[in-house]
Amino acid sequence: MSKILKFIYATLVLYLFLVVTKASDDECKIDGDCPISWQKFHTYKCINQKCKWVLRFHEY
């Protein structure tokens, strides 16, 4: 039973890891092509045609 649970948890963790890495390395041409981030201090920016997770600069 514990082997089955370990396998299920490992599969879920691997799936989530692949989803996160896919979202952070999407191809883009402008910042609008990247996913929206609701984090206060970080956002996605288009750098070298890849969406990268960067520190957000506050524009006031």
PDB file of N, CA and C in Angstrom:
ATOM      1  N   MET A   1       0.821  -1.198   0.000  1.00  0.00           N
ATOM      2  CA  MET A   1       0.000   0.000   0.000  1.00  0.00           C
ATOM      3  C   MET A   1       0.867   1.264   0.000  1.00  0.00           C
ATOM      4  N   SER A   2       1.934   1.259   0.797  1.00  0.00           N
ATOM      5  CA  SER A   2       2.786   2.448   0.852  1.00  0.00           C
ATOM      6  C   SER A   2       3.535   2.667  -0.463  1.00  0.00           C
ATOM      7  N   LYS A   3       3.861   1.586  -1.168  1.00  0.00           N
ATOM      8  CA  LYS A   3       4.523   1.729  -2.466  1.00  0.00           C
ATOM      9  C   LYS A   3       3.596   2.395  -3.474  1.00  0.00           C
ATOM     10  N   ILE A   4       2.325   2.062  -3.414  1.00  0.00           N
ATOM     11  CA  ILE A   4       1.353   2.671  -4.325  1.00  0.00           C
ATOM     12  C   ILE A   4       1.213   4.156  -4.020  1.00  0.00           C
ATOM     13  N   LEU A   5       1.135   4.519  -2.750  1.00  0.00           N
ATOM     14  CA  LEU A   5       1.020   5.931  -2.370  1.00  0.00           C
ATOM     15  C   LEU A   5       2.270   6.710  -2.765  1.00  0.00           C
ATOM     16  N   LYS A   6       3.437   6.124  -2.565  1.00  0.00           N
ATOM     17  CA  LYS A   6       4.678   6.791  -2.971  1.00  0.00           C
ATOM     18  C   LYS A   6       4.697   7.020  -4.477  1.00  0.00           C
ATOM     19  N   PHE A   7       4.236   6.031  -5.237  1.00  0.00           N
ATOM     20  CA  PHE A   7       4.194   6.167  -6.687  1.00  0.00           C
ATOM     21  C   PHE A   7       3.229   7.276  -7.104  1.00  0.00           C
ATOM     22  N   ILE A   8       2.073   7.335  -6.470  1.00  0.00           N
ATOM     23  CA  ILE A   8       1.082   8.371  -6.797  1.00  0.00           C
ATOM     24  C   ILE A   8       1.627   9.749  -6.457  1.00  0.00           C
ATOM     25  N   TYR A   9       2.213   9.918  -5.285  1.00  0.00           N
ATOM     26  CA  TYR A   9       2.779  11.213  -4.896  1.00  0.00           C
ATOM     27  C   TYR A   9       3.934  11.613  -5.816  1.00  0.00           C
ATOM     28  N   ALA A  10       4.782  10.665  -6.181  1.00  0.00           N
ATOM     29  CA  ALA A  10       5.896  10.968  -7.088  1.00  0.00           C
ATOM     30  C   ALA A  10       5.373  11.401  -8.455  1.00  0.00           C
ATOM     31  N   THR A  11       4.323  10.756  -8.921  1.00  0.00           N
ATOM     32  CA  THR A  11       3.730  11.127 -10.204  1.00  0.00           C
ATOM     33  C   THR A  11       3.147  12.529 -10.146  1.00  0.00           C
ATOM     34  N   LEU A  12       2.459  12.860  -9.058  1.00  0.00           N
ATOM     35  CA  LEU A  12       1.878  14.196  -8.912  1.00  0.00           C
ATOM     36  C   LEU A  12       2.955  15.271  -8.839  1.00  0.00           C
ATOM     37  N   VAL A  13       4.012  15.022  -8.087  1.00  0.00           N
ATOM     38  CA  VAL A  13       5.096  15.994  -7.961  1.00  0.00           C
ATOM     39  C   VAL A  13       5.780  16.193  -9.309  1.00  0.00           C
ATOM     40  N   LEU A  14       6.029  15.125 -10.033  1.00  0.00           N
ATOM     41  CA  LEU A  14       6.647  15.230 -11.354  1.00  0.00           C
ATOM     42  C   LEU A  14       5.754  16.022 -12.303  1.00  0.00           C
ATOM     43  N   TYR A  15       4.454  15.754 -12.282  1.00  0.00           N
ATOM     44  CA  TYR A  15       3.519  16.471 -13.145  1.00  0.00           C
ATOM     45  C   TYR A  15       3.529  17.966 -12.825  1.00  0.00           C
ATOM     46  N   LEU A  16       3.476  18.322 -11.541  1.00  0.00           N
ATOM     47  CA  LEU A  16       3.491  19.736 -11.160  1.00  0.00           C
ATOM     48  C   LEU A  16       4.806  20.397 -11.557  1.00  0.00           C
ATOM     49  N   PHE A  17       5.913  19.694 -11.403  1.00  0.00           N
ATOM     50  CA  PHE A  17       7.212  20.229 -11.808  1.00  0.00           C
ATOM     51  C   PHE A  17       7.233  20.514 -13.304  1.00  0.00           C
ATOM     52  N   LEU A  18       6.711  19.600 -14.102  1.00  0.00           N
ATOM     53  CA  LEU A  18       6.694  19.798 -15.550  1.00  0.00           C
ATOM     54  C   LEU A  18       5.789  20.952 -15.947  1.00  0.00           C
ATOM     55  N   VAL A  19       4.673  21.125 -15.253  1.00  0.00           N
ATOM     56  CA  VAL A  19       3.769  22.237 -15.547  1.00  0.00           C
ATOM     57  C   VAL A  19       4.450  23.561 -15.230  1.00  0.00           C
ATOM     58  N   VAL A  20       5.125  23.656 -14.096  1.00  0.00           N
ATOM     59  CA  VAL A  20       5.799  24.896 -13.701  1.00  0.00           C
ATOM     60  C   VAL A  20       6.943  25.217 -14.653  1.00  0.00           C
ATOM     61  N   THR A  21       7.747  24.239 -15.017  1.00  0.00           N
ATOM     62  CA  THR A  21       8.861  24.516 -15.921  1.00  0.00           C
ATOM     63  C   THR A  21       8.369  24.882 -17.309  1.00  0.00           C
ATOM     64  N   LYS A  22       7.270  24.299 -17.733  1.00  0.00           N
ATOM     65  CA  LYS A  22       6.716  24.651 -19.043  1.00  0.00           C
ATOM     66  C   LYS A  22       6.213  26.091 -19.032  1.00  0.00           C
ATOM     67  N   ALA A  23       5.566  26.512 -17.956  1.00  0.00           N
ATOM     68  CA  ALA A  23       5.038  27.876 -17.879  1.00  0.00           C
ATOM     69  C   ALA A  23       6.157  28.901 -17.821  1.00  0.00           C
ATOM     70  N   SER A  24       7.273  28.555 -17.205  1.00  0.00           N
ATOM     71  CA  SER A  24       8.333  29.544 -17.052  1.00  0.00           C
ATOM     72  C   SER A  24       9.240  29.641 -18.276  1.00  0.00           C
ATOM     73  N   ASP A  25       9.167  28.696 -19.207  1.00  0.00           N
ATOM     74  CA  ASP A  25      10.033  28.729 -20.382  1.00  0.00           C
ATOM     75  C   ASP A  25       9.247  28.798 -21.685  1.00  0.00           C
ATOM     76  N   ASP A  26       8.046  29.359 -21.648  1.00  0.00           N
ATOM     77  CA  ASP A  26       7.272  29.511 -22.875  1.00  0.00           C
ATOM     78  C   ASP A  26       7.975  30.471 -23.813  1.00  0.00           C
ATOM     79  N   GLU A  27       7.839  30.210 -25.099  1.00  0.00           N
ATOM     80  CA  GLU A  27       8.394  31.131 -26.084  1.00  0.00           C
ATOM     81  C   GLU A  27       7.502  32.359 -26.167  1.00  0.00           C
ATOM     82  N   CYS A  28       8.121  33.524 -26.365  1.00  0.00           N
ATOM     83  CA  CYS A  28       7.361  34.768 -26.406  1.00  0.00           C
ATOM     84  C   CYS A  28       8.059  35.758 -27.327  1.00  0.00           C
ATOM     85  N   LYS A  29       7.327  36.781 -27.717  1.00  0.00           N
ATOM     86  CA  LYS A  29       7.895  37.884 -28.487  1.00  0.00           C
ATOM     87  C   LYS A  29       7.798  39.186 -27.706  1.00  0.00           C
ATOM     88  N   ILE A  30       6.739  39.318 -26.899  1.00  0.00           N
ATOM     89  CA  ILE A  30       6.561  40.494 -26.042  1.00  0.00           C
ATOM     90  C   ILE A  30       6.151  40.015 -24.653  1.00  0.00           C
ATOM     91  N   ASP A  31       6.164  40.928 -23.664  1.00  0.00           N
ATOM     92  CA  ASP A  31       5.795  40.560 -22.294  1.00  0.00           C
ATOM     93  C   ASP A  31       4.352  40.075 -22.197  1.00  0.00           C
ATOM     94  N   GLY A  32       3.496  40.516 -23.102  1.00  0.00           N
ATOM     95  CA  GLY A  32       2.096  40.105 -23.078  1.00  0.00           C
ATOM     96  C   GLY A  32       1.883  38.642 -23.416  1.00  0.00           C
ATOM     97  N   ASP A  33       2.872  37.995 -24.018  1.00  0.00           N
ATOM     98  CA  ASP A  33       2.768  36.572 -24.344  1.00  0.00           C
ATOM     99  C   ASP A  33       3.016  35.685 -23.130  1.00  0.00           C
ATOM    100  N   CYS A  34       3.595  36.232 -22.070  1.00  0.00           N
ATOM    101  CA  CYS A  34       3.912  35.457 -20.867  1.00  0.00           C
ATOM    102  C   CYS A  34       2.685  35.357 -19.962  1.00  0.00           C
ATOM    103  N   PRO A  35       2.635  34.336 -19.093  1.00  0.00           N
ATOM    104  CA  PRO A  35       1.503  34.203 -18.179  1.00  0.00           C
ATOM    105  C   PRO A  35       1.430  35.369 -17.199  1.00  0.00           C
ATOM    106  N   ILE A  36       0.230  35.640 -16.716  1.00  0.00           N
ATOM    107  CA  ILE A  36       0.028  36.709 -15.734  1.00  0.00           C
ATOM    108  C   ILE A  36       0.455  36.204 -14.364  1.00  0.00           C
ATOM    109  N   SER A  37       1.191  37.016 -13.636  1.00  0.00           N
ATOM    110  CA  SER A  37       1.615  36.665 -12.285  1.00  0.00           C
ATOM    111  C   SER A  37       0.924  37.590 -11.295  1.00  0.00           C
ATOM    112  N   TRP A  38       0.322  37.013 -10.274  1.00  0.00           N
ATOM    113  CA  TRP A  38      -0.349  37.811  -9.245  1.00  0.00           C
ATOM    114  C   TRP A  38       0.542  37.989  -8.021  1.00  0.00           C
ATOM    115  N   GLN A  39       1.811  37.603  -8.121  1.00  0.00           N
ATOM    116  CA  GLN A  39       2.751  37.793  -7.019  1.00  0.00           C
ATOM    117  C   GLN A  39       3.074  39.272  -6.864  1.00  0.00           C
ATOM    118  N   LYS A  40       3.316  39.698  -5.638  1.00  0.00           N
ATOM    119  CA  LYS A  40       3.571  41.115  -5.375  1.00  0.00           C
ATOM    120  C   LYS A  40       4.952  41.546  -5.865  1.00  0.00           C
ATOM    121  N   PHE A  41       5.959  40.702  -5.715  1.00  0.00           N
ATOM    122  CA  PHE A  41       7.332  41.110  -6.001  1.00  0.00           C
ATOM    123  C   PHE A  41       7.947  40.435  -7.228  1.00  0.00           C
ATOM    124  N   HIS A  42       7.255  39.503  -7.848  1.00  0.00           N
ATOM    125  CA  HIS A  42       7.803  38.808  -9.016  1.00  0.00           C
ATOM    126  C   HIS A  42       6.796  38.803 -10.150  1.00  0.00           C
ATOM    127  N   THR A  43       7.300  38.706 -11.365  1.00  0.00           N
ATOM    128  CA  THR A  43       6.453  38.648 -12.551  1.00  0.00           C
ATOM    129  C   THR A  43       7.189  37.905 -13.655  1.00  0.00           C
ATOM    130  N   TYR A  44       6.499  37.617 -14.737  1.00  0.00           N
ATOM    131  CA  TYR A  44       7.123  37.014 -15.910  1.00  0.00           C
ATOM    132  C   TYR A  44       7.453  38.104 -16.906  1.00  0.00           C
ATOM    133  N   LYS A  45       8.656  38.057 -17.456  1.00  0.00           N
ATOM    134  CA  LYS A  45       9.093  38.990 -18.497  1.00  0.00           C
ATOM    135  C   LYS A  45       9.640  38.189 -19.668  1.00  0.00           C
ATOM    136  N   CYS A  46       9.505  38.737 -20.862  1.00  0.00           N
ATOM    137  CA  CYS A  46      10.029  38.099 -22.065  1.00  0.00           C
ATOM    138  C   CYS A  46      11.498  38.505 -22.226  1.00  0.00           C
ATOM    139  N   ILE A  47      12.404  37.559 -21.996  1.00  0.00           N
ATOM    140  CA  ILE A  47      13.839  37.802 -22.101  1.00  0.00           C
ATOM    141  C   ILE A  47      14.413  36.753 -23.045  1.00  0.00           C
ATOM    142  N   ASN A  48      15.017  37.212 -24.151  1.00  0.00           N
ATOM    143  CA  ASN A  48      15.590  36.313 -25.166  1.00  0.00           C
ATOM    144  C   ASN A  48      14.556  35.309 -25.685  1.00  0.00           C
ATOM    145  N   GLN A  49      13.360  35.780 -25.962  1.00  0.00           N
ATOM    146  CA  GLN A  49      12.244  34.979 -26.473  1.00  0.00           C
ATOM    147  C   GLN A  49      11.825  33.844 -25.537  1.00  0.00           C
ATOM    148  N   LYS A  50      12.073  33.979 -24.230  1.00  0.00           N
ATOM    149  CA  LYS A  50      11.630  33.014 -23.221  1.00  0.00           C
ATOM    150  C   LYS A  50      11.005  33.779 -22.063  1.00  0.00           C
ATOM    151  N   CYS A  51       9.918  33.256 -21.496  1.00  0.00           N
ATOM    152  CA  CYS A  51       9.297  33.870 -20.324  1.00  0.00           C
ATOM    153  C   CYS A  51      10.132  33.512 -19.096  1.00  0.00           C
ATOM    154  N   LYS A  52      10.638  34.510 -18.417  1.00  0.00           N
ATOM    155  CA  LYS A  52      11.479  34.297 -17.234  1.00  0.00           C
ATOM    156  C   LYS A  52      10.825  34.928 -16.013  1.00  0.00           C
ATOM    157  N   TRP A  53      11.002  34.304 -14.856  1.00  0.00           N
ATOM    158  CA  TRP A  53      10.472  34.745 -13.572  1.00  0.00           C
ATOM    159  C   TRP A  53      11.454  35.759 -13.005  1.00  0.00           C
ATOM    160  N   VAL A  54      11.070  37.044 -12.929  1.00  0.00           N
ATOM    161  CA  VAL A  54      11.989  38.097 -12.508  1.00  0.00           C
ATOM    162  C   VAL A  54      11.366  38.937 -11.402  1.00  0.00           C
ATOM    163  N   LEU A  55      12.221  39.697 -10.738  1.00  0.00           N
ATOM    164  CA  LEU A  55      11.782  40.613  -9.695  1.00  0.00           C
ATOM    165  C   LEU A  55      11.024  41.770 -10.328  1.00  0.00           C
ATOM    166  N   ARG A  56       9.877  42.106  -9.763  1.00  0.00           N
ATOM    167  CA  ARG A  56       9.046  43.176 -10.309  1.00  0.00           C
ATOM    168  C   ARG A  56       9.543  44.523  -9.794  1.00  0.00           C
ATOM    169  N   PHE A  57       9.680  45.478 -10.698  1.00  0.00           N
ATOM    170  CA  PHE A  57      10.035  46.837 -10.322  1.00  0.00           C
ATOM    171  C   PHE A  57       8.753  47.646 -10.212  1.00  0.00           C
ATOM    172  N   HIS A  58       8.594  48.339  -9.112  1.00  0.00           N
ATOM    173  CA  HIS A  58       7.382  49.129  -8.904  1.00  0.00           C
ATOM    174  C   HIS A  58       7.483  50.430  -9.682  1.00  0.00           C
ATOM    175  N   GLU A  59       6.493  50.697 -10.482  1.00  0.00           N
ATOM    176  CA  GLU A  59       6.461  51.921 -11.271  1.00  0.00           C
ATOM    177  C   GLU A  59       5.386  52.831 -10.692  1.00  0.00           C
ATOM    178  N   TYR A  60       5.813  53.880 -10.047  1.00  0.00           N
ATOM    179  CA  TYR A  60       4.866  54.824  -9.445  1.00  0.00           C
ATOM    180  C   TYR A  60       4.986  56.158 -10.116  1.00  0.00           C
TER     181      TYR A  60
END
